[in-house]
Each structure stands twice: as C-alpha cells, then as structure tokens.
N, C-alpha and C. Protein backbone atom coordinates (compact mmCIF):
# COMPACT_ATOMS: atom_id res chain seq x y z
N UNK A 1 0.44 -1.51 0.05
CA UNK A 1 -0.13 -0.13 -0.14
C UNK A 1 0.50 0.85 -0.09
N UNK A 2 0.46 1.88 -0.60
CA UNK A 2 1.34 3.35 -0.97
C UNK A 2 1.13 4.42 0.40
N UNK A 3 1.44 5.39 0.82
CA UNK A 3 1.29 5.96 2.10
C UNK A 3 0.56 6.54 2.36
N UNK A 4 -0.14 6.97 3.66
CA UNK A 4 -0.80 7.37 3.89
C UNK A 4 -0.81 8.93 4.45
N UNK A 5 -1.86 10.07 3.29
CA UNK A 5 -1.99 11.03 4.24
C UNK A 5 -2.60 11.40 4.65
N UNK A 6 -2.72 12.30 6.08
CA UNK A 6 -3.70 12.53 6.98
C UNK A 6 -3.90 14.09 6.86
N UNK A 7 -4.93 14.18 6.14
CA UNK A 7 -4.55 16.27 6.75
C UNK A 7 -6.48 16.38 6.37
N UNK A 8 -6.25 18.08 6.46
CA UNK A 8 -8.18 18.12 6.92
C UNK A 8 -8.10 17.76 5.30
N UNK A 9 -10.09 17.81 4.63
CA UNK A 9 -10.71 18.01 4.18
C UNK A 9 -11.16 18.70 3.39
N UNK A 10 -10.91 18.80 2.25
CA UNK A 10 -10.12 20.25 0.81
C UNK A 10 -11.84 20.06 -0.17
N UNK A 11 -12.48 20.97 -0.49
CA UNK A 11 -13.56 20.82 -1.67
C UNK A 11 -13.60 20.20 -2.71
N UNK A 12 -12.29 19.76 -2.86
CA UNK A 12 -11.91 18.58 -4.22
C UNK A 12 -12.01 17.45 -4.20
N UNK A 13 -12.32 17.17 -2.25
CA UNK A 13 -12.08 15.76 -1.75
C UNK A 13 -13.57 15.43 -2.36
N UNK A 14 -14.62 16.54 -2.20
CA UNK A 14 -15.68 15.59 -1.69
C UNK A 14 -16.19 14.61 -2.86
N UNK A 15 -15.46 15.12 -4.33
CA UNK A 15 -16.01 14.07 -5.46
C UNK A 15 -14.70 13.00 -5.84
N UNK A 16 -13.94 13.14 -5.20
CA UNK A 16 -12.35 12.01 -4.79
C UNK A 16 -12.65 11.22 -4.12
N UNK A 17 -13.80 10.72 -4.19
CA UNK A 17 -13.70 9.33 -2.84
C UNK A 17 -14.05 9.49 -1.30
N UNK A 18 -14.10 11.24 -0.86
CA UNK A 18 -14.22 11.63 0.39
C UNK A 18 -16.03 10.91 0.51
N UNK A 19 -17.37 11.11 -0.05
CA UNK A 19 -18.78 11.11 0.56
C UNK A 19 -18.46 9.68 -0.33
N UNK A 20 -18.00 8.23 -0.98
CA UNK A 20 -18.00 7.64 -1.08
C UNK A 20 -17.23 6.88 0.00
N UNK A 21 -16.51 7.42 0.63
CA UNK A 21 -16.43 6.53 1.28
C UNK A 21 -17.73 6.40 2.71
N UNK A 22 -17.52 7.64 2.97
CA UNK A 22 -19.23 8.23 4.22
C UNK A 22 -20.18 6.98 3.40
N UNK A 23 -20.43 6.28 2.24
CA UNK A 23 -21.42 5.39 2.04
C UNK A 23 -21.04 4.45 3.47
N UNK A 24 -20.26 3.48 3.37
CA UNK A 24 -19.55 2.71 4.55
C UNK A 24 -20.79 2.82 5.65
N UNK A 25 -21.05 4.18 5.99
CA UNK A 25 -22.10 4.54 7.06
C UNK A 25 -23.27 4.68 7.34
N UNK A 26 -23.21 5.35 6.29
CA UNK A 26 -24.88 5.47 5.46
C UNK A 26 -24.65 6.76 4.44
N UNK A 27 -25.25 6.22 2.84
CA UNK A 27 -25.69 6.61 1.58
C UNK A 27 -24.94 8.17 1.60
N UNK A 28 -23.64 9.03 1.07
CA UNK A 28 -23.88 10.05 0.94
C UNK A 28 -23.12 10.23 -0.27
N UNK A 29 -22.72 9.64 -1.26
CA UNK A 29 -22.45 9.92 -3.13
C UNK A 29 -23.89 11.02 -3.52
N UNK A 30 -24.78 9.82 -2.99
CA UNK A 30 -25.85 10.40 -3.85
C UNK A 30 -26.16 12.15 -3.59
N UNK A 31 -25.79 12.26 -2.59
CA UNK A 31 -26.41 14.00 -2.33
C UNK A 31 -26.08 15.05 -3.49
N UNK A 32 -26.50 16.19 -3.84
CA UNK A 32 -26.21 17.18 -4.91
C UNK A 32 -24.94 17.94 -4.75
N UNK A 33 -24.05 18.21 -5.92
CA UNK A 33 -23.00 19.09 -6.37
C UNK A 33 -23.08 20.17 -4.83
N UNK A 34 -24.33 20.67 -6.11
CA UNK A 34 -24.35 21.95 -4.74
C UNK A 34 -25.03 22.08 -3.30
N UNK A 35 -25.84 20.96 -2.80
CA UNK A 35 -25.56 21.09 -1.69
C UNK A 35 -24.29 20.41 -0.59
N UNK A 36 -23.96 19.16 -1.75
CA UNK A 36 -22.31 18.99 -0.56
C UNK A 36 -21.55 20.23 -0.74
N UNK A 37 -21.31 21.23 -2.11
CA UNK A 37 -19.98 21.96 -1.50
C UNK A 37 -20.96 23.11 -0.58
N UNK A 38 -22.80 23.39 -0.51
CA UNK A 38 -22.95 24.09 0.46
C UNK A 38 -22.40 23.72 1.90
N UNK A 39 -23.19 22.73 2.67
CA UNK A 39 -22.58 21.71 3.13
C UNK A 39 -20.64 22.49 3.85
N UNK A 40 -19.94 22.04 2.32
CA UNK A 40 -18.91 22.40 2.95
C UNK A 40 -18.28 23.27 3.99
N UNK A 41 -18.75 24.58 2.88
CA UNK A 41 -18.43 25.61 2.63
C UNK A 41 -19.10 26.03 4.55
N UNK A 42 -20.43 25.59 4.53
CA UNK A 42 -20.68 25.23 6.19
C UNK A 42 -19.28 25.07 6.80
N UNK A 43 -19.03 24.21 6.99
CA UNK A 43 -18.46 23.16 8.12
C UNK A 43 -16.61 23.65 7.90
N UNK A 44 -16.08 24.62 6.96
CA UNK A 44 -14.95 24.76 7.03
C UNK A 44 -14.98 26.73 7.20
N UNK A 45 -15.96 27.24 7.77
CA UNK A 45 -16.39 28.31 7.57
C UNK A 45 -16.26 27.86 9.60
N UNK A 46 -15.76 27.29 10.04
CA UNK A 46 -16.30 26.99 11.56
C UNK A 46 -15.10 26.10 12.23
N UNK A 47 -14.40 27.22 12.79
CA UNK A 47 -12.96 25.90 13.35
C UNK A 47 -12.83 24.90 14.31
N UNK A 48 -14.13 25.21 14.15
CA UNK A 48 -14.30 24.27 15.81
C UNK A 48 -15.52 23.17 15.41
N UNK A 49 -15.33 22.74 14.13
CA UNK A 49 -15.85 21.23 13.23
C UNK A 49 -14.57 20.77 12.25
N UNK A 50 -13.45 20.27 11.76
CA UNK A 50 -12.80 20.17 12.10
C UNK A 50 -12.96 18.58 11.01
N UNK A 51 -12.69 18.27 9.72
CA UNK A 51 -12.86 16.62 9.35
C UNK A 51 -11.87 16.13 9.04
N UNK A 52 -10.79 14.98 9.38
CA UNK A 52 -9.67 15.02 8.46
C UNK A 52 -9.66 13.48 7.77
N UNK A 53 -8.70 13.44 7.03
CA UNK A 53 -8.90 12.97 5.43
C UNK A 53 -7.28 11.46 5.19
N UNK A 54 -8.45 10.88 5.15
CA UNK A 54 -6.70 9.79 4.24
C UNK A 54 -6.94 9.23 3.75
N UNK A 55 -5.81 10.13 2.29
CA UNK A 55 -5.15 10.24 0.92
C UNK A 55 -4.17 8.89 0.61
N UNK A 56 -4.92 7.98 -0.35
CA UNK A 56 -3.84 6.93 -0.35
C UNK A 56 -3.45 7.43 -2.69
N UNK A 57 -2.70 7.24 -2.72
CA UNK A 57 -2.83 7.79 -3.97
C UNK A 57 -3.29 8.79 -4.51
N UNK A 58 -3.98 9.74 -4.00
CA UNK A 58 -4.71 10.90 -4.43
C UNK A 58 -5.94 10.98 -4.03
N UNK A 59 -5.94 9.64 -3.77
CA UNK A 59 -7.81 9.55 -3.47
C UNK A 59 -8.48 8.87 -2.03
N UNK A 60 -9.88 10.18 -1.80
CA UNK A 60 -9.86 9.45 -0.20
C UNK A 60 -10.49 8.53 -0.06
N UNK A 61 -9.75 7.49 1.18
CA UNK A 61 -10.08 6.40 1.44
C UNK A 61 -10.53 6.38 2.90
N UNK A 62 -10.94 7.33 3.82
CA UNK A 62 -11.09 7.28 4.75
C UNK A 62 -11.47 8.75 5.59
N UNK A 63 -12.09 8.96 6.00
CA UNK A 63 -12.54 9.88 7.60
C UNK A 63 -12.91 10.00 8.48
N UNK A 64 -12.71 11.37 9.76
CA UNK A 64 -13.31 11.08 10.92
C UNK A 64 -13.91 12.87 11.19
N UNK A 65 -14.85 12.97 12.02
CA UNK A 65 -14.98 14.46 12.22
C UNK A 65 -14.79 15.11 13.65
N UNK A 66 -14.13 15.73 14.01
CA UNK A 66 -13.66 16.35 15.43
C UNK A 66 -14.83 17.88 15.67
N UNK A 67 -15.67 17.84 16.33
CA UNK A 67 -16.16 18.86 16.85
C UNK A 67 -15.45 19.58 18.10
N UNK A 68 -15.34 20.09 18.42
CA UNK A 68 -14.69 21.15 19.82
C UNK A 68 -16.20 22.24 19.95
N UNK A 69 -16.01 21.75 21.76
CA UNK A 69 -17.04 21.86 21.79
C UNK A 69 -16.97 23.19 23.26
N UNK A 70 -17.20 24.53 23.11
CA UNK A 70 -16.85 24.77 24.50
C UNK A 70 -17.38 25.35 25.68
N UNK A 71 -16.81 25.47 27.26
CA UNK A 71 -17.80 24.65 28.79
C UNK A 71 -17.80 25.99 28.76
N UNK A 72 -18.52 26.87 30.22
CA UNK A 72 -18.58 27.52 31.22
C UNK A 72 -17.59 26.86 32.35
N UNK A 73 -17.67 25.57 32.40
CA UNK A 73 -17.00 24.21 32.86
C UNK A 73 -15.85 24.01 32.88
N UNK A 74 -14.77 23.71 33.37
CA UNK A 74 -13.69 23.28 33.78
C UNK A 74 -12.72 25.43 33.19
N UNK A 75 -13.16 26.47 33.49
CA UNK A 75 -12.67 27.41 33.34
C UNK A 75 -12.90 27.72 31.91
N UNK A 76 -13.56 27.11 31.15
CA UNK A 76 -14.13 27.19 29.61
C UNK A 76 -12.77 26.99 28.63
N UNK A 77 -12.72 25.76 29.61
CA UNK A 77 -12.24 24.42 28.72
C UNK A 77 -13.20 24.08 27.21
N UNK A 78 -12.18 22.52 26.87
CA UNK A 78 -12.79 23.16 25.65
C UNK A 78 -13.09 21.35 25.65
N UNK A 79 -14.01 20.70 24.55
CA UNK A 79 -13.79 19.35 24.68
C UNK A 79 -14.31 18.78 23.29
N UNK A 80 -13.44 17.43 23.46
CA UNK A 80 -13.51 17.21 21.40
C UNK A 80 -14.43 16.25 22.03
N UNK A 81 -15.23 16.21 20.22
CA UNK A 81 -16.32 15.07 19.82
C UNK A 81 -15.53 14.11 18.76
N UNK A 82 -15.69 13.12 18.95
CA UNK A 82 -15.47 12.70 17.37
C UNK A 82 -16.60 12.35 17.10
N UNK A 83 -16.92 12.13 15.76
CA UNK A 83 -18.27 11.67 15.04
C UNK A 83 -17.60 10.81 13.59
N UNK A 84 -18.56 9.75 13.14
CA UNK A 84 -17.82 9.64 12.27
C UNK A 84 -16.75 8.92 11.61
N UNK A 85 -15.55 8.48 12.39
CA UNK A 85 -14.68 7.34 11.65
C UNK A 85 -15.09 6.09 10.77
N UNK A 86 -14.54 7.03 9.41
CA UNK A 86 -15.46 5.77 8.52
C UNK A 86 -13.76 5.75 7.47
N UNK A 87 -13.50 4.68 6.95
CA UNK A 87 -12.70 3.93 6.10
C UNK A 87 -13.61 3.28 4.94
N UNK A 88 -13.35 2.95 4.22
CA UNK A 88 -14.06 2.99 2.34
C UNK A 88 -13.45 1.24 2.38
N UNK A 89 -14.54 0.25 2.56
CA UNK A 89 -14.19 -0.91 3.21
C UNK A 89 -13.16 -1.58 1.96
N UNK A 90 -12.93 -1.06 1.22
CA UNK A 90 -11.45 -1.75 0.69
C UNK A 90 -10.10 -1.40 1.33
N UNK A 91 -10.42 -0.13 1.83
CA UNK A 91 -9.23 0.15 3.14
C UNK A 91 -9.20 -0.84 4.46
N UNK A 92 -10.22 -0.80 4.76
CA UNK A 92 -11.01 -1.46 6.66
C UNK A 92 -9.84 -2.46 7.22
N UNK A 93 -9.25 -2.28 7.97
CA UNK A 93 -7.77 -2.99 8.63
C UNK A 93 -7.16 -2.76 8.70
N UNK A 94 -6.29 -1.92 7.79
CA UNK A 94 -4.78 -1.74 7.54
C UNK A 94 -4.23 -0.36 8.49
N UNK A 95 -4.72 0.16 9.13
CA UNK A 95 -4.95 0.90 10.56
C UNK A 95 -5.03 2.55 10.05
N UNK A 96 -5.99 2.65 8.93
CA UNK A 96 -6.19 4.33 8.50
C UNK A 96 -6.98 4.83 9.29
N UNK A 97 -8.13 4.19 9.57
CA UNK A 97 -9.05 4.56 11.02
C UNK A 97 -8.13 5.08 12.54
N UNK A 98 -7.54 4.67 12.90
CA UNK A 98 -5.85 5.00 13.11
C UNK A 98 -5.87 6.11 14.08
N UNK A 99 -5.30 5.45 12.61
CA UNK A 99 -4.23 7.29 11.91
C UNK A 99 -4.97 8.32 12.24
N UNK A 100 -6.25 8.21 11.10
CA UNK A 100 -7.22 9.49 11.13
C UNK A 100 -7.69 9.80 12.67
N UNK A 101 -7.82 8.80 13.57
CA UNK A 101 -8.54 9.54 15.00
C UNK A 101 -7.38 9.93 15.64
N UNK A 102 -5.73 9.47 15.49
CA UNK A 102 -4.48 10.04 16.41
C UNK A 102 -4.63 11.94 15.74
N UNK A 103 -4.10 11.95 14.70
CA UNK A 103 -4.14 13.02 14.02
C UNK A 103 -5.04 14.12 15.08
N UNK A 104 -6.85 13.57 15.21
CA UNK A 104 -7.37 14.20 15.38
C UNK A 104 -7.72 14.00 16.74
N UNK A 105 -7.02 13.18 17.43
CA UNK A 105 -7.01 13.97 19.36
C UNK A 105 -5.59 14.41 19.79
N UNK A 106 -4.67 15.00 19.18
CA UNK A 106 -4.01 15.64 18.57
C UNK A 106 -3.98 16.70 18.56
N UNK A 107 -4.90 16.90 17.19
CA UNK A 107 -5.62 18.68 17.20
C UNK A 107 -6.09 18.62 18.25
N UNK A 108 -6.66 18.13 19.25
CA UNK A 108 -8.21 18.59 19.78
C UNK A 108 -6.86 19.50 21.30
N UNK A 109 -5.92 18.24 21.45
CA UNK A 109 -5.33 18.56 22.35
C UNK A 109 -4.30 20.31 22.50
N UNK A 110 -3.91 20.35 20.55
CA UNK A 110 -3.21 20.69 20.59
C UNK A 110 -4.26 22.92 20.55
N UNK A 111 -5.04 22.06 20.70
CA UNK A 111 -6.67 23.39 20.27
C UNK A 111 -6.91 24.10 21.73
N UNK A 112 -6.72 22.82 22.84
CA UNK A 112 -6.44 23.40 24.38
C UNK A 112 -7.77 22.57 24.96
N UNK A 113 -7.86 21.22 24.12
CA UNK A 113 -8.80 20.28 24.24
C UNK A 113 -8.91 19.56 25.80
N UNK A 114 -9.57 19.66 27.19
CA UNK A 114 -8.68 18.80 28.35
C UNK A 114 -9.58 16.97 27.98
N UNK A 115 -10.56 16.88 28.14
CA UNK A 115 -10.54 15.56 26.94
C UNK A 115 -11.32 15.99 25.97
N UNK A 116 -10.71 14.17 25.03
CA UNK A 116 -11.80 14.02 23.66
C UNK A 116 -12.80 12.76 23.64
N UNK A 117 -14.21 12.58 23.43
CA UNK A 117 -14.83 11.63 23.88
C UNK A 117 -16.11 11.42 22.16
N UNK A 118 -16.41 9.81 22.37
CA UNK A 118 -16.90 9.78 21.58
C UNK A 118 -18.21 8.61 21.87
N UNK A 119 -19.22 8.24 20.95
CA UNK A 119 -19.71 6.98 21.28
C UNK A 119 -19.54 6.38 20.43
N UNK A 120 -19.53 5.49 20.51
CA UNK A 120 -19.63 3.99 18.99
C UNK A 120 -20.12 2.86 19.52
N UNK A 121 -20.76 1.88 18.72
CA UNK A 121 -21.17 0.26 19.45
C UNK A 121 -20.58 -0.51 19.48
N UNK A 122 -20.70 -1.19 20.82
CA UNK A 122 -19.95 -2.47 21.47
C UNK A 122 -18.82 -3.24 20.66
N UNK A 123 -19.19 -3.74 19.13
CA UNK A 123 -18.51 -4.05 18.52
C UNK A 123 -17.06 -3.40 18.08
N UNK A 124 -17.29 -1.89 18.74
CA UNK A 124 -15.62 -1.70 18.00
C UNK A 124 -14.91 -0.38 19.53
N UNK A 125 -15.66 -1.04 20.77
CA UNK A 125 -15.10 -0.86 21.92
C UNK A 125 -13.36 -0.70 21.67
N UNK A 126 -13.95 -2.44 20.95
CA UNK A 126 -12.00 -2.17 21.78
C UNK A 126 -10.57 -1.79 20.75
N UNK A 127 -11.05 -1.19 19.26
CA UNK A 127 -10.34 -0.37 18.57
C UNK A 127 -10.17 0.92 19.34
N UNK A 128 -11.10 1.33 20.16
CA UNK A 128 -11.06 3.03 20.55
C UNK A 128 -10.26 2.80 22.10
N UNK A 129 -10.02 1.89 22.76
CA UNK A 129 -9.53 0.53 24.07
C UNK A 129 -8.04 0.92 23.10
N UNK A 130 -7.23 -0.19 22.51
CA UNK A 130 -6.20 0.27 22.12
C UNK A 130 -5.21 1.33 21.75
N UNK A 131 -6.07 2.54 21.52
CA UNK A 131 -5.98 3.93 21.46
C UNK A 131 -6.01 4.72 22.45
N UNK A 132 -6.85 4.18 24.13
CA UNK A 132 -6.05 4.39 25.03
C UNK A 132 -7.38 5.42 25.51
N UNK A 133 -8.77 5.43 24.52
CA UNK A 133 -9.78 5.27 25.33
C UNK A 133 -10.96 4.81 26.45
N UNK A 134 -10.83 4.67 27.28
CA UNK A 134 -11.80 4.20 28.33
C UNK A 134 -13.55 4.44 28.62
N UNK A 135 -14.32 3.41 28.57
CA UNK A 135 -15.26 3.20 29.12
C UNK A 135 -15.51 4.02 30.07
N UNK A 136 -16.92 5.54 29.89
CA UNK A 136 -16.62 6.32 31.01
C UNK A 136 -18.72 6.78 31.17
N UNK A 137 -19.27 6.02 30.70
CA UNK A 137 -20.64 6.21 30.14
C UNK A 137 -21.37 5.50 30.05
N UNK A 138 -22.62 5.60 29.72
CA UNK A 138 -23.67 5.13 28.74
C UNK A 138 -24.21 6.31 27.63
N UNK A 139 -24.04 6.43 26.37
CA UNK A 139 -24.55 6.79 25.14
C UNK A 139 -26.15 6.30 25.57
N UNK A 140 -27.13 7.58 25.16
CA UNK A 140 -28.52 7.70 24.68
C UNK A 140 -28.88 8.43 23.63
N UNK A 141 -29.50 8.15 22.92
CA UNK A 141 -29.81 9.20 21.63
C UNK A 141 -31.22 9.44 21.73
N UNK A 142 -31.79 10.23 21.45
CA UNK A 142 -33.32 10.65 20.87
C UNK A 142 -33.82 11.03 19.13
N UNK A 143 -34.05 9.78 18.64
CA UNK A 143 -34.27 10.48 17.16
C UNK A 143 -35.55 11.39 16.76
N UNK A 144 -35.35 11.93 16.15
CA UNK A 144 -36.86 13.03 15.32
C UNK A 144 -37.27 12.40 14.24
N UNK A 145 -37.95 11.40 13.84
CA UNK A 145 -38.42 11.03 12.99
C UNK A 145 -39.00 11.64 12.27
C-alpha cells in the first residue's frame, strides 16, 4: 500500500472518494453537488468543526470528524467530540482509522481540549480502547423521526 496522508478535508475531496467513503456509514454519495458544496462551506467556515481525511494515491479512503465544544465549566475549557469514523470498505483493517483518530486527538490537544469523547457500538470498543479511550458512561439518543 502507498503512503497514507492524513490531512484536513478540501472541497475537491468531496468527489474524490470522500462521499463514497461515507457510504460505509450511510449513503452520502448521492447528494447533489450544490448541496455538498454548501455543507462543505458551512463546515469549513467553523474552526471548531474539522474533518480529517486519509488520502492514498490521490484518493480519499477514510475520514473522521472532530467537533470542539467550548464549556463554561473547567474554566472555559473545551471538549473534543469525535464523530463519523469511516474507512472505505476496501481499505478497512489497514490502520487507516487509527491514524485519522490519532491525528484528530492531537489536533484537539493542540487546540486546548481537556478531553475528547466519542460514542460507538460495542463491536468497535476494542478499536478505541487500543488507542487509550476508556469506557466512561452510557450513550443515549433521541431520534426526531
């Protein structure tokens, strides 16, 4: 496998593997170009919303999102929230997901976050524990149907 480059998402990545990588979570590649670009512009304008991608041979094969939340507690501290960890099905199991998550953990630390949290299903807990995450609480969700 060629070298893996981990970096922040660029607009041209949308149609270069990024959206098809997201299809491993939920179909995203069917979004219109205009809508995808509007979403990108909104995310790109927010320094507290970062998407890191994995690039191999010029193609995006994985991505992860980091949201940074400012708090009143902890003396105005910040918390990182990791979302949407995804690797293209053809590249899973090759360490790409771990590289992207570690990139964003370092990013959050450099931004001054005092912790970074995520929710996940039971089957991927060992993946995150391997990187130092610890079970801390239960996650609940409310869906707006």
